[in-house]
N, C-alpha and C. Protein backbone atom coordinates (compact mmCIF):
# COMPACT_ATOMS: atom_id res chain seq x y z
N MET A 1 19.30 50.65 -22.49
CA MET A 1 18.29 50.50 -21.45
C MET A 1 17.27 49.43 -21.84
N LYS A 2 16.82 49.43 -23.11
CA LYS A 2 15.85 48.44 -23.55
C LYS A 2 16.45 47.04 -23.50
N THR A 3 17.74 46.90 -23.79
CA THR A 3 18.41 45.60 -23.75
C THR A 3 18.38 45.05 -22.34
N THR A 4 18.59 45.86 -21.32
CA THR A 4 18.57 45.44 -19.92
C THR A 4 17.19 44.91 -19.55
N HIS A 5 16.14 45.62 -19.96
CA HIS A 5 14.78 45.17 -19.67
C HIS A 5 14.48 43.84 -20.36
N LEU A 6 14.94 43.71 -21.61
CA LEU A 6 14.71 42.48 -22.36
C LEU A 6 15.42 41.29 -21.71
N VAL A 7 16.67 41.48 -21.28
CA VAL A 7 17.42 40.41 -20.61
C VAL A 7 16.72 40.03 -19.32
N PHE A 8 16.28 41.02 -18.54
CA PHE A 8 15.57 40.74 -17.29
C PHE A 8 14.28 39.98 -17.56
N LEU A 9 13.53 40.41 -18.56
CA LEU A 9 12.27 39.76 -18.90
C LEU A 9 12.50 38.32 -19.35
N LEU A 10 13.51 38.08 -20.19
CA LEU A 10 13.80 36.73 -20.65
C LEU A 10 14.23 35.83 -19.50
N SER A 11 15.04 36.34 -18.58
CA SER A 11 15.46 35.52 -17.46
C SER A 11 14.28 35.23 -16.53
N PHE A 12 13.34 36.16 -16.39
CA PHE A 12 12.15 35.92 -15.58
C PHE A 12 11.27 34.85 -16.21
N VAL A 13 11.08 34.91 -17.52
CA VAL A 13 10.27 33.92 -18.23
C VAL A 13 10.92 32.55 -18.13
N ALA A 14 12.24 32.47 -18.26
CA ALA A 14 12.94 31.18 -18.17
C ALA A 14 12.78 30.58 -16.77
N ALA A 15 12.91 31.42 -15.74
CA ALA A 15 12.74 30.92 -14.37
C ALA A 15 11.32 30.46 -14.12
N ALA A 16 10.35 31.20 -14.63
CA ALA A 16 8.96 30.81 -14.44
C ALA A 16 8.66 29.51 -15.18
N GLY A 17 9.23 29.33 -16.37
CA GLY A 17 9.01 28.11 -17.13
C GLY A 17 9.57 26.89 -16.43
N SER A 18 10.76 27.00 -15.78
CA SER A 18 11.34 25.84 -15.09
C SER A 18 10.56 25.52 -13.83
N ALA A 19 10.02 26.55 -13.16
CA ALA A 19 9.22 26.29 -11.96
C ALA A 19 7.90 25.62 -12.32
N ALA A 20 7.37 25.94 -13.51
CA ALA A 20 6.10 25.37 -13.92
C ALA A 20 6.23 23.89 -14.24
N GLY A 21 7.44 23.42 -14.58
CA GLY A 21 7.65 22.03 -14.91
C GLY A 21 7.80 21.13 -13.71
N GLN A 22 7.70 21.68 -12.52
CA GLN A 22 7.95 20.88 -11.32
C GLN A 22 7.02 21.32 -10.21
N GLN A 23 6.48 20.35 -9.52
CA GLN A 23 5.60 20.61 -8.39
C GLN A 23 6.26 20.03 -7.13
N VAL A 24 5.91 20.58 -5.99
CA VAL A 24 6.48 20.12 -4.72
C VAL A 24 5.35 19.81 -3.75
N VAL A 25 5.47 18.65 -3.09
CA VAL A 25 4.55 18.29 -2.01
C VAL A 25 5.39 18.25 -0.74
N HIS A 26 5.01 19.05 0.23
CA HIS A 26 5.75 19.17 1.49
C HIS A 26 4.75 19.01 2.63
N GLY A 27 5.21 18.51 3.75
CA GLY A 27 4.31 18.40 4.89
C GLY A 27 4.96 17.73 6.08
N THR A 28 4.13 17.37 7.04
CA THR A 28 4.59 16.68 8.24
C THR A 28 3.66 15.51 8.54
N VAL A 29 4.20 14.53 9.23
CA VAL A 29 3.43 13.38 9.67
C VAL A 29 3.43 13.42 11.20
N THR A 30 2.23 13.49 11.77
CA THR A 30 2.11 13.51 13.22
C THR A 30 1.06 12.50 13.67
N GLU A 31 1.18 12.12 14.91
CA GLU A 31 0.26 11.15 15.50
C GLU A 31 -1.01 11.87 15.95
N ARG A 32 -2.16 11.33 15.52
CA ARG A 32 -3.44 11.91 15.94
C ARG A 32 -3.58 11.75 17.45
N GLY A 33 -4.05 12.77 18.10
CA GLY A 33 -4.23 12.72 19.55
C GLY A 33 -3.08 13.38 20.28
N SER A 34 -1.89 12.79 20.19
CA SER A 34 -0.74 13.33 20.93
C SER A 34 -0.05 14.46 20.18
N GLY A 35 -0.17 14.49 18.85
CA GLY A 35 0.50 15.51 18.06
C GLY A 35 2.00 15.27 17.93
N GLN A 36 2.47 14.11 18.35
CA GLN A 36 3.89 13.79 18.29
C GLN A 36 4.33 13.56 16.84
N SER A 37 5.49 14.13 16.48
CA SER A 37 6.05 13.94 15.14
C SER A 37 6.43 12.48 14.96
N ILE A 38 6.23 11.97 13.75
CA ILE A 38 6.56 10.58 13.47
C ILE A 38 7.75 10.54 12.53
N GLU A 39 8.84 10.00 13.02
CA GLU A 39 10.07 9.85 12.25
C GLU A 39 10.09 8.49 11.57
N GLY A 40 10.59 8.45 10.35
CA GLY A 40 10.80 7.18 9.66
C GLY A 40 9.56 6.56 9.06
N ALA A 41 8.48 7.33 8.93
CA ALA A 41 7.30 6.81 8.24
C ALA A 41 7.54 6.93 6.75
N MET A 42 7.15 5.91 6.00
CA MET A 42 7.28 5.97 4.54
C MET A 42 6.07 6.73 4.00
N VAL A 43 6.31 7.89 3.39
CA VAL A 43 5.25 8.70 2.80
C VAL A 43 5.25 8.39 1.31
N VAL A 44 4.14 7.85 0.83
CA VAL A 44 4.04 7.37 -0.55
C VAL A 44 3.05 8.26 -1.30
N LEU A 45 3.48 8.82 -2.42
CA LEU A 45 2.62 9.64 -3.27
C LEU A 45 2.01 8.73 -4.34
N LEU A 46 0.68 8.71 -4.40
CA LEU A 46 -0.04 7.82 -5.31
C LEU A 46 -0.86 8.63 -6.30
N ARG A 47 -0.94 8.11 -7.49
CA ARG A 47 -1.82 8.64 -8.52
C ARG A 47 -2.66 7.47 -8.99
N GLY A 48 -3.73 7.70 -9.71
CA GLY A 48 -4.61 6.63 -10.15
C GLY A 48 -3.91 5.42 -10.72
N ASP A 49 -2.79 5.64 -11.42
CA ASP A 49 -2.09 4.52 -12.05
C ASP A 49 -0.96 3.95 -11.21
N GLY A 50 -0.86 4.34 -9.94
CA GLY A 50 0.12 3.70 -9.06
C GLY A 50 1.04 4.66 -8.34
N LEU A 51 2.14 4.12 -7.84
CA LEU A 51 3.12 4.85 -7.04
C LEU A 51 3.88 5.85 -7.91
N VAL A 52 4.01 7.08 -7.39
CA VAL A 52 4.73 8.13 -8.11
C VAL A 52 6.06 8.43 -7.44
N ALA A 53 6.05 8.54 -6.10
CA ALA A 53 7.27 8.87 -5.35
C ALA A 53 7.08 8.38 -3.92
N ARG A 54 8.20 8.25 -3.22
CA ARG A 54 8.13 7.90 -1.80
C ARG A 54 9.36 8.47 -1.11
N VAL A 55 9.18 8.75 0.18
CA VAL A 55 10.25 9.34 0.97
C VAL A 55 9.99 9.00 2.44
N LEU A 56 11.05 8.92 3.24
CA LEU A 56 10.89 8.71 4.68
C LEU A 56 10.76 10.06 5.38
N SER A 57 9.91 10.13 6.38
CA SER A 57 9.77 11.37 7.14
C SER A 57 11.00 11.56 8.04
N ALA A 58 11.39 12.81 8.23
CA ALA A 58 12.57 13.16 9.03
C ALA A 58 12.24 13.09 10.52
N ALA A 59 13.22 13.39 11.35
CA ALA A 59 13.06 13.32 12.81
C ALA A 59 11.92 14.21 13.30
N ASP A 60 11.69 15.34 12.62
CA ASP A 60 10.60 16.24 13.02
C ASP A 60 9.29 15.90 12.31
N GLY A 61 9.25 14.75 11.59
CA GLY A 61 8.05 14.32 10.88
C GLY A 61 7.89 14.95 9.51
N SER A 62 8.81 15.80 9.09
CA SER A 62 8.65 16.51 7.81
C SER A 62 9.06 15.63 6.63
N PHE A 63 8.50 15.96 5.47
CA PHE A 63 8.85 15.29 4.23
C PHE A 63 8.69 16.27 3.08
N THR A 64 9.44 16.04 2.01
CA THR A 64 9.35 16.86 0.79
C THR A 64 9.55 15.95 -0.41
N MET A 65 8.67 16.11 -1.41
CA MET A 65 8.77 15.35 -2.65
C MET A 65 8.63 16.29 -3.83
N THR A 66 9.42 16.05 -4.86
CA THR A 66 9.30 16.79 -6.11
C THR A 66 8.57 15.89 -7.10
N VAL A 67 7.58 16.47 -7.76
CA VAL A 67 6.72 15.71 -8.67
C VAL A 67 6.81 16.35 -10.06
N ARG A 68 6.95 15.52 -11.07
CA ARG A 68 7.10 16.03 -12.44
C ARG A 68 5.80 16.46 -13.08
N GLN A 69 4.70 15.74 -12.79
CA GLN A 69 3.46 16.03 -13.49
C GLN A 69 2.39 16.53 -12.54
N PRO A 70 1.68 17.58 -12.93
CA PRO A 70 0.53 18.01 -12.14
C PRO A 70 -0.56 16.94 -12.23
N GLY A 71 -1.51 16.98 -11.32
CA GLY A 71 -2.61 16.02 -11.37
C GLY A 71 -3.27 15.87 -10.02
N ARG A 72 -4.03 14.80 -9.88
CA ARG A 72 -4.75 14.50 -8.64
C ARG A 72 -4.01 13.36 -7.96
N TYR A 73 -3.65 13.56 -6.69
CA TYR A 73 -2.82 12.61 -5.95
C TYR A 73 -3.42 12.29 -4.58
N GLU A 74 -2.89 11.24 -3.99
CA GLU A 74 -3.16 10.87 -2.60
C GLU A 74 -1.83 10.55 -1.95
N LEU A 75 -1.79 10.65 -0.63
CA LEU A 75 -0.60 10.26 0.12
C LEU A 75 -0.97 9.10 1.04
N ARG A 76 -0.07 8.11 1.13
CA ARG A 76 -0.27 6.99 2.05
C ARG A 76 0.88 6.99 3.03
N ILE A 77 0.57 6.82 4.30
CA ILE A 77 1.58 6.75 5.34
C ILE A 77 1.73 5.28 5.73
N ASP A 78 2.92 4.73 5.53
CA ASP A 78 3.22 3.35 5.89
C ASP A 78 4.21 3.35 7.05
N ARG A 79 3.85 2.65 8.10
CA ARG A 79 4.74 2.45 9.24
C ARG A 79 4.75 0.97 9.56
N ILE A 80 5.92 0.41 9.65
CA ILE A 80 6.03 -1.02 9.92
C ILE A 80 5.40 -1.32 11.27
N GLY A 81 4.50 -2.28 11.27
CA GLY A 81 3.83 -2.68 12.50
C GLY A 81 2.54 -1.93 12.79
N TYR A 82 2.21 -0.94 11.95
CA TYR A 82 1.01 -0.13 12.15
C TYR A 82 0.18 -0.12 10.88
N SER A 83 -1.11 0.07 11.02
CA SER A 83 -1.99 0.16 9.86
C SER A 83 -1.65 1.40 9.05
N SER A 84 -1.74 1.27 7.73
CA SER A 84 -1.45 2.40 6.84
C SER A 84 -2.58 3.42 6.90
N THR A 85 -2.24 4.67 6.61
CA THR A 85 -3.21 5.76 6.59
C THR A 85 -3.19 6.38 5.20
N LEU A 86 -4.36 6.59 4.60
CA LEU A 86 -4.48 7.17 3.27
C LEU A 86 -5.11 8.56 3.39
N SER A 87 -4.48 9.56 2.76
CA SER A 87 -5.03 10.92 2.79
C SER A 87 -6.18 11.04 1.81
N GLU A 88 -6.89 12.14 1.91
CA GLU A 88 -7.89 12.45 0.89
C GLU A 88 -7.15 12.90 -0.36
N ALA A 89 -7.77 12.71 -1.51
CA ALA A 89 -7.16 13.12 -2.77
C ALA A 89 -7.04 14.64 -2.81
N PHE A 90 -5.99 15.12 -3.46
CA PHE A 90 -5.78 16.56 -3.60
C PHE A 90 -5.23 16.85 -4.99
N ASP A 91 -5.46 18.07 -5.45
CA ASP A 91 -4.98 18.49 -6.76
C ASP A 91 -3.62 19.14 -6.61
N LEU A 92 -2.75 18.88 -7.57
CA LEU A 92 -1.42 19.46 -7.62
C LEU A 92 -1.30 20.18 -8.96
N PRO A 93 -1.61 21.50 -8.97
CA PRO A 93 -1.56 22.26 -10.22
C PRO A 93 -0.13 22.47 -10.70
N PRO A 94 0.05 22.83 -11.96
CA PRO A 94 1.39 23.08 -12.51
C PRO A 94 2.14 24.14 -11.70
N GLY A 95 3.40 23.84 -11.36
CA GLY A 95 4.26 24.77 -10.64
C GLY A 95 3.90 25.00 -9.19
N ALA A 96 2.99 24.22 -8.63
CA ALA A 96 2.51 24.45 -7.26
C ALA A 96 3.42 23.84 -6.21
N ARG A 97 3.37 24.42 -5.03
CA ARG A 97 4.00 23.87 -3.83
C ARG A 97 2.85 23.63 -2.85
N VAL A 98 2.52 22.37 -2.63
CA VAL A 98 1.37 22.01 -1.81
C VAL A 98 1.87 21.52 -0.45
N VAL A 99 1.21 21.98 0.60
CA VAL A 99 1.54 21.55 1.96
C VAL A 99 0.44 20.62 2.44
N ARG A 100 0.81 19.41 2.85
CA ARG A 100 -0.13 18.42 3.35
C ARG A 100 0.37 17.94 4.71
N ASN A 101 -0.26 18.41 5.76
CA ASN A 101 0.08 17.94 7.10
C ASN A 101 -0.84 16.77 7.42
N LEU A 102 -0.23 15.62 7.68
CA LEU A 102 -0.97 14.38 7.79
C LEU A 102 -1.01 13.87 9.22
N LEU A 103 -2.18 13.46 9.64
CA LEU A 103 -2.36 12.84 10.95
C LEU A 103 -2.56 11.35 10.73
N THR A 104 -1.88 10.54 11.52
CA THR A 104 -2.01 9.10 11.40
C THR A 104 -2.40 8.50 12.74
N GLU A 105 -3.19 7.47 12.69
CA GLU A 105 -3.63 6.77 13.89
C GLU A 105 -2.54 5.80 14.34
N VAL A 106 -2.48 5.57 15.63
CA VAL A 106 -1.60 4.53 16.15
C VAL A 106 -2.47 3.29 16.32
N ARG A 107 -2.51 2.49 15.25
CA ARG A 107 -3.30 1.25 15.25
C ARG A 107 -2.35 0.12 14.91
N PRO A 108 -1.78 -0.53 15.94
CA PRO A 108 -0.87 -1.64 15.65
C PRO A 108 -1.58 -2.71 14.82
N VAL A 109 -0.81 -3.30 13.93
CA VAL A 109 -1.34 -4.39 13.12
C VAL A 109 -1.55 -5.59 14.03
N ASP A 110 -2.73 -6.19 13.92
CA ASP A 110 -3.05 -7.36 14.73
C ASP A 110 -2.77 -8.59 13.90
N GLY A 111 -1.58 -9.14 14.10
CA GLY A 111 -1.18 -10.32 13.34
C GLY A 111 -1.70 -11.59 13.97
N PRO A 112 -1.52 -12.70 13.28
CA PRO A 112 -1.98 -13.97 13.80
C PRO A 112 -1.11 -14.43 14.96
N GLY A 113 -1.67 -15.27 15.79
CA GLY A 113 -0.90 -15.86 16.88
C GLY A 113 0.04 -16.91 16.32
N ARG A 114 -0.28 -18.14 16.52
CA ARG A 114 0.53 -19.24 16.01
C ARG A 114 0.13 -19.56 14.56
N CYS A 115 1.10 -19.86 13.73
CA CYS A 115 0.83 -20.18 12.33
C CYS A 115 0.09 -21.51 12.23
N GLN A 116 -1.05 -21.50 11.55
CA GLN A 116 -1.83 -22.71 11.31
C GLN A 116 -2.43 -22.60 9.92
N LEU A 117 -2.69 -23.75 9.32
CA LEU A 117 -3.27 -23.76 7.99
C LEU A 117 -4.78 -23.73 8.11
N ARG A 118 -5.36 -22.55 7.87
CA ARG A 118 -6.81 -22.36 7.91
C ARG A 118 -7.18 -21.36 6.83
N PRO A 119 -8.06 -21.74 5.92
CA PRO A 119 -8.44 -20.82 4.84
C PRO A 119 -9.00 -19.49 5.35
N GLU A 120 -9.72 -19.51 6.45
CA GLU A 120 -10.32 -18.27 6.96
C GLU A 120 -9.27 -17.32 7.52
N ARG A 121 -8.03 -17.77 7.66
CA ARG A 121 -6.95 -16.92 8.16
C ARG A 121 -6.19 -16.22 7.04
N GLY A 122 -6.74 -16.29 5.82
CA GLY A 122 -6.07 -15.64 4.68
C GLY A 122 -5.86 -14.16 4.90
N LEU A 123 -6.80 -13.50 5.57
CA LEU A 123 -6.66 -12.07 5.85
C LEU A 123 -5.46 -11.82 6.76
N ALA A 124 -5.26 -12.67 7.75
CA ALA A 124 -4.11 -12.52 8.64
C ALA A 124 -2.81 -12.67 7.87
N THR A 125 -2.77 -13.62 6.95
CA THR A 125 -1.58 -13.82 6.14
C THR A 125 -1.33 -12.61 5.25
N ALA A 126 -2.38 -12.08 4.66
CA ALA A 126 -2.25 -10.88 3.83
C ALA A 126 -1.74 -9.70 4.65
N THR A 127 -2.18 -9.60 5.89
CA THR A 127 -1.72 -8.52 6.79
C THR A 127 -0.23 -8.64 7.04
N VAL A 128 0.23 -9.85 7.31
CA VAL A 128 1.66 -10.06 7.54
C VAL A 128 2.46 -9.71 6.29
N TRP A 129 1.98 -10.13 5.12
CA TRP A 129 2.69 -9.81 3.89
C TRP A 129 2.71 -8.30 3.61
N GLU A 130 1.67 -7.60 4.00
CA GLU A 130 1.65 -6.14 3.84
C GLU A 130 2.76 -5.51 4.70
N GLU A 131 2.97 -6.03 5.90
CA GLU A 131 4.04 -5.52 6.76
C GLU A 131 5.41 -5.82 6.15
N VAL A 132 5.56 -6.98 5.54
CA VAL A 132 6.80 -7.32 4.86
C VAL A 132 7.03 -6.36 3.71
N ARG A 133 5.97 -6.04 2.95
CA ARG A 133 6.09 -5.09 1.85
C ARG A 133 6.58 -3.73 2.34
N LYS A 134 6.03 -3.26 3.46
CA LYS A 134 6.45 -1.97 4.02
C LYS A 134 7.93 -2.00 4.39
N ALA A 135 8.35 -3.07 5.05
CA ALA A 135 9.75 -3.18 5.48
C ALA A 135 10.69 -3.22 4.28
N LEU A 136 10.33 -3.98 3.27
CA LEU A 136 11.19 -4.06 2.08
C LEU A 136 11.22 -2.75 1.32
N ALA A 137 10.11 -2.05 1.24
CA ALA A 137 10.08 -0.74 0.55
C ALA A 137 10.98 0.25 1.28
N ALA A 138 10.90 0.28 2.61
CA ALA A 138 11.76 1.19 3.39
C ALA A 138 13.23 0.80 3.24
N ALA A 139 13.53 -0.49 3.28
CA ALA A 139 14.92 -0.94 3.13
C ALA A 139 15.46 -0.60 1.75
N THR A 140 14.66 -0.78 0.71
CA THR A 140 15.09 -0.46 -0.65
C THR A 140 15.35 1.02 -0.80
N TRP A 141 14.43 1.84 -0.29
CA TRP A 141 14.56 3.29 -0.40
C TRP A 141 15.83 3.78 0.30
N THR A 142 16.07 3.31 1.52
CA THR A 142 17.25 3.77 2.26
C THR A 142 18.54 3.21 1.67
N THR A 143 18.52 1.99 1.14
CA THR A 143 19.70 1.41 0.52
C THR A 143 20.08 2.17 -0.74
N GLU A 144 19.10 2.52 -1.56
CA GLU A 144 19.38 3.27 -2.79
C GLU A 144 20.03 4.61 -2.50
N ARG A 145 19.70 5.20 -1.38
CA ARG A 145 20.24 6.51 -1.02
C ARG A 145 21.42 6.42 -0.06
N GLU A 146 21.79 5.20 0.31
CA GLU A 146 22.89 4.94 1.23
C GLU A 146 22.76 5.74 2.53
N LEU A 147 21.54 5.76 3.08
CA LEU A 147 21.28 6.51 4.31
C LEU A 147 21.64 5.74 5.56
N TYR A 148 21.45 4.45 5.53
CA TYR A 148 21.69 3.63 6.72
C TYR A 148 22.61 2.48 6.37
N ARG A 149 23.33 2.04 7.34
CA ARG A 149 24.09 0.81 7.19
C ARG A 149 23.42 -0.21 8.08
N PHE A 150 23.33 -1.42 7.57
CA PHE A 150 22.70 -2.46 8.34
C PHE A 150 23.35 -3.79 8.01
N ALA A 151 23.14 -4.75 8.89
CA ALA A 151 23.67 -6.09 8.70
C ALA A 151 22.51 -7.07 8.68
N TRP A 152 22.66 -8.11 7.89
CA TRP A 152 21.64 -9.15 7.80
C TRP A 152 22.05 -10.30 8.72
N PHE A 153 21.09 -10.85 9.40
CA PHE A 153 21.30 -12.03 10.22
C PHE A 153 20.33 -13.10 9.77
N ARG A 154 20.78 -14.33 9.79
CA ARG A 154 19.91 -15.44 9.42
C ARG A 154 19.77 -16.34 10.63
N TYR A 155 18.55 -16.62 10.98
CA TYR A 155 18.26 -17.52 12.10
C TYR A 155 17.53 -18.73 11.57
N VAL A 156 17.89 -19.89 12.05
CA VAL A 156 17.23 -21.13 11.66
C VAL A 156 16.68 -21.76 12.93
N ARG A 157 15.43 -22.15 12.86
CA ARG A 157 14.78 -22.78 14.00
C ARG A 157 14.17 -24.09 13.52
N GLU A 158 14.55 -25.17 14.14
CA GLU A 158 14.03 -26.47 13.75
C GLU A 158 13.02 -26.94 14.79
N LEU A 159 11.90 -27.45 14.29
CA LEU A 159 10.84 -27.94 15.17
C LEU A 159 10.59 -29.42 14.87
N ASP A 160 10.21 -30.14 15.93
CA ASP A 160 9.83 -31.53 15.69
C ASP A 160 8.37 -31.58 15.26
N ALA A 161 7.81 -32.79 15.07
CA ALA A 161 6.45 -32.95 14.57
C ALA A 161 5.40 -32.34 15.50
N GLN A 162 5.69 -32.20 16.79
CA GLN A 162 4.76 -31.62 17.74
C GLN A 162 4.91 -30.10 17.85
N GLY A 163 5.86 -29.54 17.14
CA GLY A 163 6.06 -28.10 17.17
C GLY A 163 7.03 -27.62 18.23
N ALA A 164 7.70 -28.54 18.92
CA ALA A 164 8.69 -28.17 19.93
C ALA A 164 10.04 -27.99 19.27
N THR A 165 10.88 -27.13 19.86
CA THR A 165 12.21 -26.93 19.30
C THR A 165 13.05 -28.17 19.50
N SER A 166 13.85 -28.47 18.51
CA SER A 166 14.72 -29.64 18.59
C SER A 166 15.92 -29.30 19.46
N PRO A 167 16.40 -30.27 20.25
CA PRO A 167 17.58 -30.01 21.08
C PRO A 167 18.82 -29.84 20.19
N GLY A 168 19.74 -29.03 20.69
CA GLY A 168 21.00 -28.92 19.98
C GLY A 168 21.20 -27.59 19.50
């Protein structure tokens, strides 16, 4: 009888120890105002020293991430063509399962009109590059997991000195 209790106790301690080594962040991404679930948003887990994990939200807006180390984290919601949203910082204690339901604004990125060389337009250029970063991060994440198949197309557009398209 004592052996049975000891085996049960040891298996309970082993299970508790493995759960303590891993934390889970789970939640949903929804649009502020309408409450509509947002599919395909890149949810990025950040810690003071940088990116920890990232995942795309599912069709119902849900996401789940497993984190190795407890600590203080933030979540960033990246959507191509929209301004990013940063959550408030939260603590992730050892062995915890934290639920973070995130609301994001629908604020389309206001990119530049026609490309021109103007130093004061550096912010517009940085905005465009931020959108490129989001697209590449999403493409890398999905490619690594073989979730989507896609094809690359290359387009070439030639302009004359006045900016008009060349015939042909």
